[in-house]
Amino acid sequence: MDKSEKYPFQLLISDELFKKMDRLLIGEEELKKTIFECERNDRLFVNENGNFVGSLQIGFVTYWVEYKHLESDKYQLLNAYSHKLTIVGLAQHVVGCPEELL
């Protein structure tokens, strides 16, 4: 949950959400990467509650995050989930996509 050299922000996650992530086998590192890439590439939207929502596909898994900015280097993770889906024809854009799908 501390800032790291890899991701220059702190991600705050409630105990309840940590339990959900554990149950769904979602790692904190994947969610940090998702937020980092969404922010860096402006690939996010604001939902009806004013929170940011974004996603990132890593391999065959797409991670979704809902979060809010607390400070310039601090985010509060509000929700997270993932799903496995491969969109045919987009394999070359997937981070870590197996060579045989390119």
C-alpha atoms as a PDB file:
ATOM      1  CA  MET A   1       0.000   0.000   0.000  1.00  0.00           C
ATOM      2  CA  ASP A   2       3.023   2.287   0.145  1.00  0.00           C
ATOM      3  CA  LYS A   3       4.395   4.204  -2.785  1.00  0.00           C
ATOM      4  CA  SER A   4       6.885   2.261  -4.835  1.00  0.00           C
ATOM      5  CA  GLU A   5       9.460   3.197  -7.413  1.00  0.00           C
ATOM      6  CA  LYS A   6       7.414   1.332 -10.018  1.00  0.00           C
ATOM      7  CA  TYR A   7       4.136   3.134  -9.285  1.00  0.00           C
ATOM      8  CA  PRO A   8       4.651   6.610  -7.804  1.00  0.00           C
ATOM      9  CA  PHE A   9       1.472   6.684  -5.762  1.00  0.00           C
ATOM     10  CA  GLN A  10      -0.058   5.194  -2.652  1.00  0.00           C
ATOM     11  CA  LEU A  11      -3.130   3.006  -3.082  1.00  0.00           C
ATOM     12  CA  LEU A  12      -5.481   2.799  -0.106  1.00  0.00           C
ATOM     13  CA  ILE A  13      -7.590  -0.365   0.043  1.00  0.00           C
ATOM     14  CA  SER A  14     -10.143  -1.181   2.730  1.00  0.00           C
ATOM     15  CA  ASP A  15      -9.994  -4.495   4.583  1.00  0.00           C
ATOM     16  CA  GLU A  16     -13.357  -5.464   3.079  1.00  0.00           C
ATOM     17  CA  LEU A  17     -12.082  -4.851  -0.458  1.00  0.00           C
ATOM     18  CA  PHE A  18      -8.848  -6.744   0.286  1.00  0.00           C
ATOM     19  CA  LYS A  19     -10.971  -9.747   1.277  1.00  0.00           C
ATOM     20  CA  LYS A  20     -12.930  -9.503  -1.964  1.00  0.00           C
ATOM     21  CA  MET A  21      -9.691  -9.263  -3.975  1.00  0.00           C
ATOM     22  CA  ASP A  22      -8.329 -12.309  -2.159  1.00  0.00           C
ATOM     23  CA  ARG A  23     -11.509 -14.265  -2.855  1.00  0.00           C
ATOM     24  CA  LEU A  24     -11.413 -13.319  -6.553  1.00  0.00           C
ATOM     25  CA  LEU A  25      -7.636 -13.895  -6.843  1.00  0.00           C
ATOM     26  CA  ILE A  26      -6.960 -10.277  -7.816  1.00  0.00           C
ATOM     27  CA  GLY A  27      -3.535  -8.955  -6.834  1.00  0.00           C
ATOM     28  CA  GLU A  28      -2.747  -5.445  -5.661  1.00  0.00           C
ATOM     29  CA  GLU A  29       0.099  -5.211  -8.178  1.00  0.00           C
ATOM     30  CA  GLU A  30      -2.283  -5.753 -11.135  1.00  0.00           C
ATOM     31  CA  LEU A  31      -4.627  -3.076  -9.827  1.00  0.00           C
ATOM     32  CA  LYS A  32      -1.804  -0.586  -9.335  1.00  0.00           C
ATOM     33  CA  LYS A  33      -0.674  -1.259 -12.893  1.00  0.00           C
ATOM     34  CA  THR A  34      -4.243  -0.775 -14.109  1.00  0.00           C
ATOM     35  CA  ILE A  35      -4.571   2.612 -12.390  1.00  0.00           C
ATOM     36  CA  PHE A  36      -1.106   3.663 -13.529  1.00  0.00           C
ATOM     37  CA  GLU A  37      -1.828   2.831 -17.179  1.00  0.00           C
ATOM     38  CA  CYS A  38      -5.304   4.377 -17.093  1.00  0.00           C
ATOM     39  CA  GLU A  39      -3.920   7.624 -15.678  1.00  0.00           C
ATOM     40  CA  ARG A  40      -0.879   7.676 -17.966  1.00  0.00           C
ATOM     41  CA  ASN A  41      -2.890   7.048 -21.141  1.00  0.00           C
ATOM     42  CA  ASP A  42      -6.065   8.882 -20.095  1.00  0.00           C
ATOM     43  CA  ARG A  43      -8.081   5.661 -20.585  1.00  0.00           C
ATOM     44  CA  LEU A  44     -10.718   6.149 -17.925  1.00  0.00           C
ATOM     45  CA  PHE A  45     -14.095   7.725 -17.396  1.00  0.00           C
ATOM     46  CA  VAL A  46     -15.994   9.297 -14.546  1.00  0.00           C
ATOM     47  CA  ASN A  47     -19.063   7.399 -13.366  1.00  0.00           C
ATOM     48  CA  GLU A  48     -22.318   8.797 -11.958  1.00  0.00           C
ATOM     49  CA  ASN A  49     -20.757   8.993  -8.461  1.00  0.00           C
ATOM     50  CA  GLY A  50     -17.849  11.108  -9.674  1.00  0.00           C
ATOM     51  CA  ASN A  51     -15.348   8.244  -9.310  1.00  0.00           C
ATOM     52  CA  PHE A  52     -12.831   7.181 -11.922  1.00  0.00           C
ATOM     53  CA  VAL A  53     -13.309   3.835 -13.688  1.00  0.00           C
ATOM     54  CA  GLY A  54     -10.798   2.175 -15.961  1.00  0.00           C
ATOM     55  CA  SER A  55      -9.539  -1.177 -17.151  1.00  0.00           C
ATOM     56  CA  LEU A  56      -6.418  -2.886 -18.413  1.00  0.00           C
ATOM     57  CA  GLN A  57      -6.016  -6.234 -20.115  1.00  0.00           C
ATOM     58  CA  ILE A  58      -2.956  -8.176 -18.939  1.00  0.00           C
ATOM     59  CA  GLY A  59      -2.607 -11.472 -20.758  1.00  0.00           C
ATOM     60  CA  PHE A  60      -6.067 -13.040 -20.851  1.00  0.00           C
ATOM     61  CA  VAL A  61      -7.412 -11.156 -17.839  1.00  0.00           C
ATOM     62  CA  THR A  62      -9.005  -7.711 -17.876  1.00  0.00           C
ATOM     63  CA  TYR A  63      -8.833  -5.835 -14.576  1.00  0.00           C
ATOM     64  CA  TRP A  64     -11.372  -3.132 -13.748  1.00  0.00           C
ATOM     65  CA  VAL A  65     -10.937  -0.512 -11.048  1.00  0.00           C
ATOM     66  CA  GLU A  66     -13.143   2.155  -9.515  1.00  0.00           C
ATOM     67  CA  TYR A  67     -11.185   4.711  -7.531  1.00  0.00           C
ATOM     68  CA  LYS A  68     -10.933   8.329  -6.479  1.00  0.00           C
ATOM     69  CA  HIS A  69      -8.071  10.789  -6.145  1.00  0.00           C
ATOM     70  CA  LEU A  70      -7.333  11.823  -2.579  1.00  0.00           C
ATOM     71  CA  GLU A  71      -4.134  13.750  -3.304  1.00  0.00           C
ATOM     72  CA  SER A  72      -1.790  13.998  -6.267  1.00  0.00           C
ATOM     73  CA  ASP A  73       0.034  10.838  -5.190  1.00  0.00           C
ATOM     74  CA  LYS A  74      -2.715   8.999  -3.302  1.00  0.00           C
ATOM     75  CA  TYR A  75      -5.742   7.036  -4.538  1.00  0.00           C
ATOM     76  CA  GLN A  76      -8.559   5.243  -2.736  1.00  0.00           C
ATOM     77  CA  LEU A  77      -9.573   1.988  -4.411  1.00  0.00           C
ATOM     78  CA  LEU A  78     -13.350   1.641  -4.154  1.00  0.00           C
ATOM     79  CA  ASN A  79     -14.010  -1.495  -6.181  1.00  0.00           C
ATOM     80  CA  ALA A  80     -12.183  -3.988  -8.355  1.00  0.00           C
ATOM     81  CA  TYR A  81     -13.039  -6.992 -10.445  1.00  0.00           C
ATOM     82  CA  SER A  82     -11.633  -8.979 -13.326  1.00  0.00           C
ATOM     83  CA  HIS A  83     -12.775 -11.204 -16.140  1.00  0.00           C
ATOM     84  CA  LYS A  84     -11.144 -13.461 -18.707  1.00  0.00           C
ATOM     85  CA  LEU A  85     -11.944 -12.534 -22.250  1.00  0.00           C
ATOM     86  CA  THR A  86      -9.950 -12.393 -25.440  1.00  0.00           C
ATOM     87  CA  ILE A  87     -11.197 -10.165 -28.219  1.00  0.00           C
ATOM     88  CA  VAL A  88     -10.100 -11.682 -31.527  1.00  0.00           C
ATOM     89  CA  GLY A  89      -8.170  -9.194 -33.622  1.00  0.00           C
ATOM     90  CA  LEU A  90      -6.920  -7.175 -30.671  1.00  0.00           C
ATOM     91  CA  ALA A  91      -4.269  -9.618 -29.476  1.00  0.00           C
ATOM     92  CA  GLN A  92      -1.404  -7.388 -30.644  1.00  0.00           C
ATOM     93  CA  HIS A  93      -2.564  -4.698 -28.174  1.00  0.00           C
ATOM     94  CA  VAL A  94      -2.626  -6.995 -25.133  1.00  0.00           C
ATOM     95  CA  VAL A  95       0.190  -6.660 -22.589  1.00  0.00           C
ATOM     96  CA  GLY A  96       1.875 -10.039 -22.232  1.00  0.00           C
ATOM     97  CA  CYS A  97      -0.137 -11.713 -25.008  1.00  0.00           C
ATOM     98  CA  PRO A  98       1.246 -15.136 -25.950  1.00  0.00           C
ATOM     99  CA  GLU A  99       3.212 -15.106 -29.201  1.00  0.00           C
ATOM    100  CA  GLU A 100       0.950 -17.700 -30.847  1.00  0.00           C
ATOM    101  CA  LEU A 101      -2.026 -15.291 -30.753  1.00  0.00           C
ATOM    102  CA  LEU A 102      -0.255 -12.467 -32.566  1.00  0.00           C
END
